Amino acid sequence: MKKTIIILLTVLIVVLGCSKANNGNDGNNKEAKNNEKIEKTDEKLVPKSLPNVVLKTYDGKEVSFKKFEGNVVLVDFWATTCPYCVKEFPGFVKLYEKYKDKGFKIIGISYDKDKNKVDKFLKENGVNFTIVKGTKEAAEKFGGIKGIPTTFIFDKKGNIVQKQVGYTPDYKEKFEKTIKKYLNK
């Protein structure tokens, strides 16, 4: 019974998170405002640089974010149960393929508990970048995640250059513009 309640609460949080994450858009999913600017919130809530986090993959391997230093890094908080998160992944795969050899990395931080579901999703979508299991501590180090998807881009020095909360239909083009800008610096 306790396990069932925990599972139901987790699903409810993810579903509500997806719907709350879209608050930057109007009801028709039009472009979110302030997409290329760092979100103007309490300074404590937005990391100024790529947090030094160590998370585990679904196979139990530890991944230190320190190993990504010197690259432009996109970090995406997501879950397979979030339709907007799922919608972004084909674009992320294309961006990674296009820029991975030029110093661009992606880290997907998943809120999914079911390894088999994640593995199936990654295989079906040709995901070829780093995916790790999210933790409450990791979310806190990123300033607290209010909803998913939440995406950050960090420059080669590890400075935050973009934060996007929620989905916007032209996310790939906007992220690519930022990625290209900072790969060339």
Protein backbone atom coordinates (compact mmCIF):
# COMPACT_ATOMS: atom_id res chain seq x y z
CA MET A 1 0.00 0.00 0.00
CA LYS A 2 2.79 2.40 0.96
CA LYS A 3 4.62 1.63 -2.28
CA THR A 4 1.44 2.28 -4.31
CA ILE A 5 0.95 5.66 -2.64
CA ILE A 6 4.57 6.63 -3.34
CA ILE A 7 4.21 5.62 -6.99
CA LEU A 8 0.96 7.57 -7.34
CA LEU A 9 2.50 10.65 -5.74
CA THR A 10 5.53 10.41 -8.04
CA VAL A 11 3.31 10.18 -11.13
CA LEU A 12 1.20 13.10 -9.89
CA ILE A 13 4.30 15.24 -9.29
CA VAL A 14 5.68 14.49 -12.76
CA VAL A 15 2.35 15.18 -14.46
CA LEU A 16 1.85 18.41 -12.54
CA GLY A 17 5.48 19.32 -13.18
CA CYS A 18 4.97 18.98 -16.93
CA SER A 19 1.90 21.16 -16.85
CA LYS A 20 3.53 23.73 -14.54
CA ALA A 21 6.67 23.74 -16.68
CA ASN A 22 4.64 25.09 -19.55
CA ASN A 23 3.72 28.24 -17.62
CA GLY A 24 6.13 30.27 -19.76
CA ASN A 25 3.80 29.62 -22.69
CA ASP A 26 0.23 30.59 -23.30
CA GLY A 27 -2.35 27.82 -23.61
CA ASN A 28 -1.47 27.27 -27.26
CA ASN A 29 2.22 26.55 -26.63
CA LYS A 30 3.38 29.74 -28.28
CA GLU A 31 6.95 30.81 -27.78
CA ALA A 32 8.01 31.12 -24.15
CA LYS A 33 9.18 34.57 -23.14
CA ASN A 34 12.80 35.28 -22.13
CA ASN A 35 14.00 32.05 -23.73
CA GLU A 36 17.52 33.19 -24.48
CA LYS A 37 17.92 35.15 -21.28
CA ILE A 38 18.72 33.65 -17.94
CA GLU A 39 15.52 33.47 -15.97
CA LYS A 40 15.16 36.52 -13.75
CA THR A 41 14.40 35.01 -10.38
CA ASP A 42 15.90 35.07 -6.93
CA GLU A 43 19.67 34.88 -7.52
CA LYS A 44 19.92 31.91 -5.13
CA LEU A 45 17.64 29.87 -7.36
CA VAL A 46 19.70 30.00 -10.54
CA PRO A 47 23.15 28.40 -10.58
CA LYS A 48 25.79 30.78 -11.90
CA SER A 49 27.90 27.87 -13.13
CA LEU A 50 27.65 24.17 -13.93
CA PRO A 51 27.24 22.49 -10.54
CA ASN A 52 29.80 19.91 -9.54
CA VAL A 53 27.40 16.97 -9.32
CA VAL A 54 28.02 13.23 -9.43
CA LEU A 55 24.98 11.22 -10.55
CA LYS A 56 24.50 7.61 -11.57
CA THR A 57 23.40 6.21 -14.89
CA TYR A 58 20.65 3.62 -14.94
CA ASP A 59 23.42 1.00 -15.11
CA GLY A 60 24.91 2.29 -11.86
CA LYS A 61 27.97 4.06 -13.33
CA GLU A 62 28.90 7.35 -11.71
CA VAL A 63 29.06 10.42 -13.94
CA SER A 64 30.86 13.48 -12.64
CA PHE A 65 29.79 16.72 -14.27
CA LYS A 66 33.41 17.85 -13.82
CA LYS A 67 34.34 15.66 -16.80
CA PHE A 68 32.33 17.99 -19.05
CA GLU A 69 34.45 21.06 -18.24
CA GLY A 70 35.77 22.83 -21.33
CA ASN A 71 32.66 21.98 -23.38
CA VAL A 72 29.42 23.77 -24.11
CA VAL A 73 26.97 21.70 -22.05
CA LEU A 74 23.20 21.38 -22.32
CA VAL A 75 21.59 19.91 -19.18
CA ASP A 76 17.96 18.82 -19.48
CA PHE A 77 15.71 17.74 -16.61
CA TRP A 78 13.05 15.43 -18.06
CA ALA A 79 10.96 12.24 -17.74
CA THR A 80 9.42 9.79 -20.18
CA THR A 81 6.01 10.57 -18.65
CA CYS A 82 6.27 14.24 -19.67
CA PRO A 83 4.95 14.73 -23.23
CA TYR A 84 6.85 18.00 -23.72
CA CYS A 85 10.09 16.37 -22.58
CA VAL A 86 9.59 13.52 -25.03
CA LYS A 87 8.84 16.03 -27.79
CA GLU A 88 12.24 17.70 -27.29
CA PHE A 89 14.37 14.58 -27.58
CA PRO A 90 14.53 14.23 -31.39
CA GLY A 91 15.91 17.77 -31.58
CA PHE A 92 18.43 17.06 -28.83
CA VAL A 93 19.64 13.95 -30.69
CA LYS A 94 20.12 16.03 -33.87
CA LEU A 95 21.94 18.81 -32.00
CA TYR A 96 24.25 16.31 -30.33
CA GLU A 97 25.05 14.55 -33.61
CA LYS A 98 25.79 17.87 -35.29
CA TYR A 99 28.01 19.40 -32.59
CA LYS A 100 29.41 16.55 -30.44
CA ASP A 101 32.79 16.61 -32.20
CA LYS A 102 33.05 20.39 -31.78
CA GLY A 103 32.96 20.45 -27.98
CA PHE A 104 29.24 20.11 -27.25
CA LYS A 105 27.82 17.69 -24.68
CA ILE A 106 24.32 16.89 -23.42
CA ILE A 107 23.40 15.49 -20.04
CA GLY A 108 19.82 14.32 -19.59
CA ILE A 109 18.74 14.15 -15.96
CA SER A 110 15.75 11.83 -15.82
CA TYR A 111 13.14 11.62 -13.08
CA ASP A 112 12.12 8.13 -14.21
CA LYS A 113 12.45 5.26 -11.74
CA ASP A 114 11.94 2.39 -14.22
CA LYS A 115 15.24 1.50 -15.91
CA ASN A 116 13.51 -0.67 -18.53
CA LYS A 117 11.17 2.15 -19.55
CA VAL A 118 14.11 4.57 -19.88
CA ASP A 119 16.22 2.05 -21.81
CA LYS A 120 13.33 1.39 -24.20
CA PHE A 121 12.76 5.13 -24.75
CA LEU A 122 16.46 5.82 -25.35
CA LYS A 123 16.75 2.95 -27.84
CA GLU A 124 13.56 3.87 -29.72
CA ASN A 125 14.69 7.49 -30.03
CA GLY A 126 18.35 6.88 -30.85
CA VAL A 127 19.54 8.81 -27.81
CA ASN A 128 23.32 8.80 -27.86
CA PHE A 129 24.25 11.24 -25.11
CA THR A 130 24.64 10.90 -21.34
CA ILE A 131 21.51 10.09 -19.33
CA VAL A 132 21.61 9.98 -15.53
CA LYS A 133 19.08 9.50 -12.74
CA GLY A 134 17.92 12.71 -11.12
CA THR A 135 18.05 13.29 -7.39
CA LYS A 136 16.57 15.91 -5.13
CA GLU A 137 20.09 17.11 -4.29
CA ALA A 138 20.94 17.56 -7.98
CA ALA A 139 17.75 19.54 -8.56
CA GLU A 140 18.65 21.77 -5.60
CA LYS A 141 22.14 22.39 -6.99
CA PHE A 142 20.48 23.60 -10.19
CA GLY A 143 18.43 26.07 -8.20
CA GLY A 144 15.36 23.93 -7.71
CA ILE A 145 13.43 22.51 -10.64
CA LYS A 146 9.90 23.93 -10.75
CA GLY A 147 8.71 21.80 -13.65
CA ILE A 148 9.94 19.74 -16.55
CA PRO A 149 11.33 20.07 -19.07
CA THR A 150 13.89 22.48 -17.66
CA THR A 151 16.97 23.03 -19.78
CA PHE A 152 20.22 24.85 -19.03
CA ILE A 153 23.10 25.70 -21.36
CA PHE A 154 26.57 26.37 -19.95
CA ASP A 155 29.50 27.85 -21.87
CA LYS A 156 33.00 26.30 -22.04
CA LYS A 157 33.95 28.02 -18.78
CA GLY A 158 30.92 26.51 -17.06
CA ASN A 159 28.94 29.76 -16.86
CA ILE A 160 25.19 29.57 -17.32
CA VAL A 161 24.17 31.27 -20.57
CA GLN A 162 20.59 30.08 -21.03
CA LYS A 163 17.76 28.57 -19.01
CA GLN A 164 14.46 27.43 -20.46
CA VAL A 165 11.59 26.26 -18.26
CA GLY A 166 8.90 24.51 -20.24
CA TYR A 167 8.52 23.68 -23.89
CA THR A 168 8.57 26.06 -26.82
CA PRO A 169 8.02 24.79 -30.40
CA ASP A 170 11.20 26.45 -31.71
CA TYR A 171 13.39 25.18 -28.85
CA LYS A 172 15.86 23.46 -31.19
CA GLU A 173 16.56 26.60 -33.21
CA LYS A 174 16.95 28.75 -30.09
CA PHE A 175 19.22 26.26 -28.35
CA GLU A 176 21.25 25.79 -31.53
CA LYS A 177 21.78 29.54 -31.83
CA THR A 178 23.16 29.65 -28.28
CA ILE A 179 25.25 26.51 -28.76
CA LYS A 180 26.87 27.86 -31.96
CA LYS A 181 27.53 31.23 -30.33
CA TYR A 182 29.42 29.67 -27.41
CA LEU A 183 31.22 26.98 -29.40
CA ASN A 184 32.76 29.81 -31.44
CA LYS A 185 34.01 31.73 -28.38
